[in-house]
Amino acid sequence: MNEFKQIITQLPEMAETPFATVFGKEARVRIMTILKIKEKLYIVTGKQSNKINELVENSSFETCYCFNEEHPYWNIRLRGKAIIVEDPAFKTEMFNSIEWIKHYWDKPEHPLFTVVECAVDEIEFNRKDKMEAEIVRKY
């Protein structure tokens, strides 16, 4: 298994992390729940949110996972492009599999319920035993 895939595999299935988008020339950061499903990362949000408007204008994102002493990395930063998921079957699967989503939307067909795939193409990480950050790319 290559290092890129190995790092993705080690990420938790659900984590609250800082999630950065771009607005004009400035970064915008907020805490988001990142979901890992079949080695891909997703967020769910409202279609009317600033982050969706920002991702439509510039699909670049970055998120960062921080870990405790037991993990081999101090942190893992993920960069890539956000893709709005249009597949109704996947949106329904996502909606039905995560209980807390129902606090925000009543059904997967809700016009504001939005699923975004976070297509990672670069990972920057710090191992606990090294001072310098390392970068691996998907391709």
C-alpha atoms as a PDB file:
ATOM      1  CA  MET A   1       0.000   0.000   0.000  1.00  0.00           C
ATOM      2  CA  ASN A   2       1.437   3.401  -0.923  1.00  0.00           C
ATOM      3  CA  GLU A   3       1.928   6.025   1.784  1.00  0.00           C
ATOM      4  CA  PHE A   4      -0.909   8.263   0.523  1.00  0.00           C
ATOM      5  CA  LYS A   5      -3.464   5.458   0.831  1.00  0.00           C
ATOM      6  CA  GLN A   6      -1.981   4.270   4.127  1.00  0.00           C
ATOM      7  CA  ILE A   7      -2.463   7.708   5.701  1.00  0.00           C
ATOM      8  CA  ILE A   8      -6.058   7.993   4.441  1.00  0.00           C
ATOM      9  CA  THR A   9      -6.774   4.515   5.838  1.00  0.00           C
ATOM     10  CA  GLN A  10      -5.553   5.604   9.286  1.00  0.00           C
ATOM     11  CA  LEU A  11      -7.940   8.566   9.507  1.00  0.00           C
ATOM     12  CA  PRO A  12     -10.960   8.123  11.788  1.00  0.00           C
ATOM     13  CA  GLU A  13     -14.388   7.463  10.266  1.00  0.00           C
ATOM     14  CA  MET A  14     -15.672  10.705  11.765  1.00  0.00           C
ATOM     15  CA  ALA A  15     -13.751  13.664  13.182  1.00  0.00           C
ATOM     16  CA  GLU A  16     -14.303  17.318  13.923  1.00  0.00           C
ATOM     17  CA  THR A  17     -11.512  19.248  12.237  1.00  0.00           C
ATOM     18  CA  PRO A  18     -10.744  22.767  11.031  1.00  0.00           C
ATOM     19  CA  PHE A  19     -11.918  23.048   7.422  1.00  0.00           C
ATOM     20  CA  ALA A  20     -10.579  25.893   5.276  1.00  0.00           C
ATOM     21  CA  THR A  21     -12.016  27.330   2.086  1.00  0.00           C
ATOM     22  CA  VAL A  22     -11.034  30.391   0.059  1.00  0.00           C
ATOM     23  CA  PHE A  23     -13.041  33.621  -0.130  1.00  0.00           C
ATOM     24  CA  GLY A  24     -11.467  35.994  -2.641  1.00  0.00           C
ATOM     25  CA  LYS A  25      -7.816  35.973  -1.557  1.00  0.00           C
ATOM     26  CA  GLU A  26      -8.489  35.072   2.078  1.00  0.00           C
ATOM     27  CA  ALA A  27      -8.811  31.777   3.914  1.00  0.00           C
ATOM     28  CA  ARG A  28     -12.028  31.009   5.787  1.00  0.00           C
ATOM     29  CA  VAL A  29     -11.794  28.356   8.511  1.00  0.00           C
ATOM     30  CA  ARG A  30     -14.534  26.658  10.491  1.00  0.00           C
ATOM     31  CA  ILE A  31     -14.884  23.405  12.409  1.00  0.00           C
ATOM     32  CA  MET A  32     -16.576  20.691  10.345  1.00  0.00           C
ATOM     33  CA  THR A  33     -17.336  17.036  10.859  1.00  0.00           C
ATOM     34  CA  ILE A  34     -15.364  15.097   8.264  1.00  0.00           C
ATOM     35  CA  LEU A  35     -16.755  11.668   7.401  1.00  0.00           C
ATOM     36  CA  LYS A  36     -14.634   8.906   5.888  1.00  0.00           C
ATOM     37  CA  ILE A  37     -16.596   6.424   3.778  1.00  0.00           C
ATOM     38  CA  LYS A  38     -14.808   3.819   1.664  1.00  0.00           C
ATOM     39  CA  GLU A  39     -11.509   5.737   1.893  1.00  0.00           C
ATOM     40  CA  LYS A  40     -13.090   8.989   0.659  1.00  0.00           C
ATOM     41  CA  LEU A  41     -13.783  12.089   2.778  1.00  0.00           C
ATOM     42  CA  TYR A  42     -17.058  14.006   2.891  1.00  0.00           C
ATOM     43  CA  ILE A  43     -18.752  16.889   4.641  1.00  0.00           C
ATOM     44  CA  VAL A  44     -22.457  17.655   4.813  1.00  0.00           C
ATOM     45  CA  THR A  45     -23.744  21.195   4.989  1.00  0.00           C
ATOM     46  CA  GLY A  46     -26.540  23.507   3.947  1.00  0.00           C
ATOM     47  CA  LYS A  47     -26.663  24.613   0.320  1.00  0.00           C
ATOM     48  CA  GLN A  48     -27.167  28.199   1.500  1.00  0.00           C
ATOM     49  CA  SER A  49     -23.959  28.226   3.604  1.00  0.00           C
ATOM     50  CA  ASN A  50     -21.019  30.505   2.927  1.00  0.00           C
ATOM     51  CA  LYS A  51     -18.748  27.475   2.542  1.00  0.00           C
ATOM     52  CA  ILE A  52     -20.782  26.179  -0.429  1.00  0.00           C
ATOM     53  CA  ASN A  53     -20.630  29.593  -2.101  1.00  0.00           C
ATOM     54  CA  GLU A  54     -16.875  29.678  -1.472  1.00  0.00           C
ATOM     55  CA  LEU A  55     -16.349  26.131  -2.805  1.00  0.00           C
ATOM     56  CA  VAL A  56     -18.374  26.904  -5.945  1.00  0.00           C
ATOM     57  CA  GLU A  57     -16.114  29.917  -6.625  1.00  0.00           C
ATOM     58  CA  ASN A  58     -12.895  28.101  -5.682  1.00  0.00           C
ATOM     59  CA  SER A  59     -13.077  24.377  -4.950  1.00  0.00           C
ATOM     60  CA  SER A  60      -9.798  24.290  -2.986  1.00  0.00           C
ATOM     61  CA  PHE A  61      -9.964  23.143   0.632  1.00  0.00           C
ATOM     62  CA  GLU A  62      -7.613  22.177   3.427  1.00  0.00           C
ATOM     63  CA  THR A  63      -8.304  20.351   6.664  1.00  0.00           C
ATOM     64  CA  CYS A  64      -6.063  19.239   9.496  1.00  0.00           C
ATOM     65  CA  TYR A  65      -6.264  16.282  11.866  1.00  0.00           C
ATOM     66  CA  CYS A  66      -4.339  16.495  15.155  1.00  0.00           C
ATOM     67  CA  PHE A  67      -3.472  13.388  17.125  1.00  0.00           C
ATOM     68  CA  ASN A  68      -2.531  12.323  20.641  1.00  0.00           C
ATOM     69  CA  GLU A  69       0.660  10.674  21.870  1.00  0.00           C
ATOM     70  CA  GLU A  70      -0.307   7.152  20.725  1.00  0.00           C
ATOM     71  CA  HIS A  71      -0.632   8.061  17.045  1.00  0.00           C
ATOM     72  CA  PRO A  72       2.493   7.951  14.799  1.00  0.00           C
ATOM     73  CA  TYR A  73       1.776  11.469  13.460  1.00  0.00           C
ATOM     74  CA  TRP A  74       1.401  14.797  15.273  1.00  0.00           C
ATOM     75  CA  ASN A  75      -0.861  16.084  12.539  1.00  0.00           C
ATOM     76  CA  ILE A  76      -2.032  15.385   9.028  1.00  0.00           C
ATOM     77  CA  ARG A  77      -3.033  18.195   6.670  1.00  0.00           C
ATOM     78  CA  LEU A  78      -5.138  17.273   3.641  1.00  0.00           C
ATOM     79  CA  ARG A  79      -5.524  19.471   0.559  1.00  0.00           C
ATOM     80  CA  GLY A  80      -7.589  19.028  -2.546  1.00  0.00           C
ATOM     81  CA  LYS A  81     -10.711  19.972  -4.444  1.00  0.00           C
ATOM     82  CA  ALA A  82     -14.296  19.832  -3.200  1.00  0.00           C
ATOM     83  CA  ILE A  83     -16.921  18.187  -5.400  1.00  0.00           C
ATOM     84  CA  ILE A  84     -20.628  18.659  -4.701  1.00  0.00           C
ATOM     85  CA  VAL A  85     -22.275  15.228  -4.782  1.00  0.00           C
ATOM     86  CA  GLU A  86     -25.397  15.120  -6.947  1.00  0.00           C
ATOM     87  CA  ASP A  87     -26.084  11.356  -6.746  1.00  0.00           C
ATOM     88  CA  PRO A  88     -29.480  10.998  -4.958  1.00  0.00           C
ATOM     89  CA  ALA A  89     -28.784   7.371  -3.960  1.00  0.00           C
ATOM     90  CA  PHE A  90     -25.510   8.313  -2.236  1.00  0.00           C
ATOM     91  CA  LYS A  91     -27.116  11.314  -0.521  1.00  0.00           C
ATOM     92  CA  THR A  92     -29.871   9.010   0.776  1.00  0.00           C
ATOM     93  CA  GLU A  93     -27.304   6.469   1.983  1.00  0.00           C
ATOM     94  CA  MET A  94     -25.386   9.244   3.770  1.00  0.00           C
ATOM     95  CA  PHE A  95     -28.563  10.686   5.295  1.00  0.00           C
ATOM     96  CA  ASN A  96     -29.755   7.301   6.582  1.00  0.00           C
ATOM     97  CA  SER A  97     -26.409   6.240   8.027  1.00  0.00           C
ATOM     98  CA  ILE A  98     -25.654   9.287  10.203  1.00  0.00           C
ATOM     99  CA  GLU A  99     -28.140   9.999  12.953  1.00  0.00           C
ATOM    100  CA  TRP A 100     -27.157  13.587  13.747  1.00  0.00           C
ATOM    101  CA  ILE A 101     -27.905  14.721  10.185  1.00  0.00           C
ATOM    102  CA  LYS A 102     -31.615  14.422  11.009  1.00  0.00           C
ATOM    103  CA  HIS A 103     -31.274  17.330  13.446  1.00  0.00           C
ATOM    104  CA  TYR A 104     -30.678  19.627  10.478  1.00  0.00           C
ATOM    105  CA  TRP A 105     -32.709  18.157   7.603  1.00  0.00           C
ATOM    106  CA  ASP A 106     -35.868  16.050   7.611  1.00  0.00           C
ATOM    107  CA  LYS A 107     -35.142  14.023   4.460  1.00  0.00           C
ATOM    108  CA  PRO A 108     -32.315  13.453   1.975  1.00  0.00           C
ATOM    109  CA  GLU A 109     -34.325  15.219  -0.724  1.00  0.00           C
ATOM    110  CA  HIS A 110     -34.377  18.445   1.318  1.00  0.00           C
ATOM    111  CA  PRO A 111     -33.334  21.192  -1.124  1.00  0.00           C
ATOM    112  CA  LEU A 112     -30.648  22.528   1.252  1.00  0.00           C
ATOM    113  CA  PHE A 113     -29.088  19.159   2.208  1.00  0.00           C
ATOM    114  CA  THR A 114     -25.697  19.113   0.495  1.00  0.00           C
ATOM    115  CA  VAL A 115     -23.000  16.440   0.476  1.00  0.00           C
ATOM    116  CA  VAL A 116     -19.497  17.446  -0.563  1.00  0.00           C
ATOM    117  CA  GLU A 117     -16.719  15.015  -1.431  1.00  0.00           C
ATOM    118  CA  CYS A 118     -13.327  16.272  -0.308  1.00  0.00           C
ATOM    119  CA  ALA A 119     -11.124  14.835  -3.056  1.00  0.00           C
ATOM    120  CA  VAL A 120      -7.685  14.849  -1.448  1.00  0.00           C
ATOM    121  CA  ASP A 121      -4.704  15.176  -3.775  1.00  0.00           C
ATOM    122  CA  GLU A 122      -1.977  16.171  -1.307  1.00  0.00           C
ATOM    123  CA  ILE A 123      -1.149  15.206   2.274  1.00  0.00           C
ATOM    124  CA  GLU A 124       1.335  17.024   4.475  1.00  0.00           C
ATOM    125  CA  PHE A 125       2.185  15.358   7.776  1.00  0.00           C
ATOM    126  CA  ASN A 126       4.544  15.458  10.724  1.00  0.00           C
ATOM    127  CA  ARG A 127       5.805  12.190  12.118  1.00  0.00           C
ATOM    128  CA  LYS A 128       6.499  12.091  15.839  1.00  0.00           C
ATOM    129  CA  ASP A 129      10.111  11.066  15.207  1.00  0.00           C
ATOM    130  CA  LYS A 130      10.978  13.777  12.623  1.00  0.00           C
ATOM    131  CA  MET A 131      11.181  17.550  12.772  1.00  0.00           C
ATOM    132  CA  GLU A 132      10.436  18.331   9.116  1.00  0.00           C
ATOM    133  CA  ALA A 133       7.025  17.952   7.502  1.00  0.00           C
ATOM    134  CA  GLU A 134       6.662  15.461   4.646  1.00  0.00           C
ATOM    135  CA  ILE A 135       4.353  15.718   1.633  1.00  0.00           C
ATOM    136  CA  VAL A 136       2.835  12.920  -0.419  1.00  0.00           C
ATOM    137  CA  ARG A 137       0.651  13.385  -3.474  1.00  0.00           C
ATOM    138  CA  LYS A 138      -2.056  11.126  -4.813  1.00  0.00           C
ATOM    139  CA  TYR A 139      -0.609  11.026  -8.327  1.00  0.00           C
END
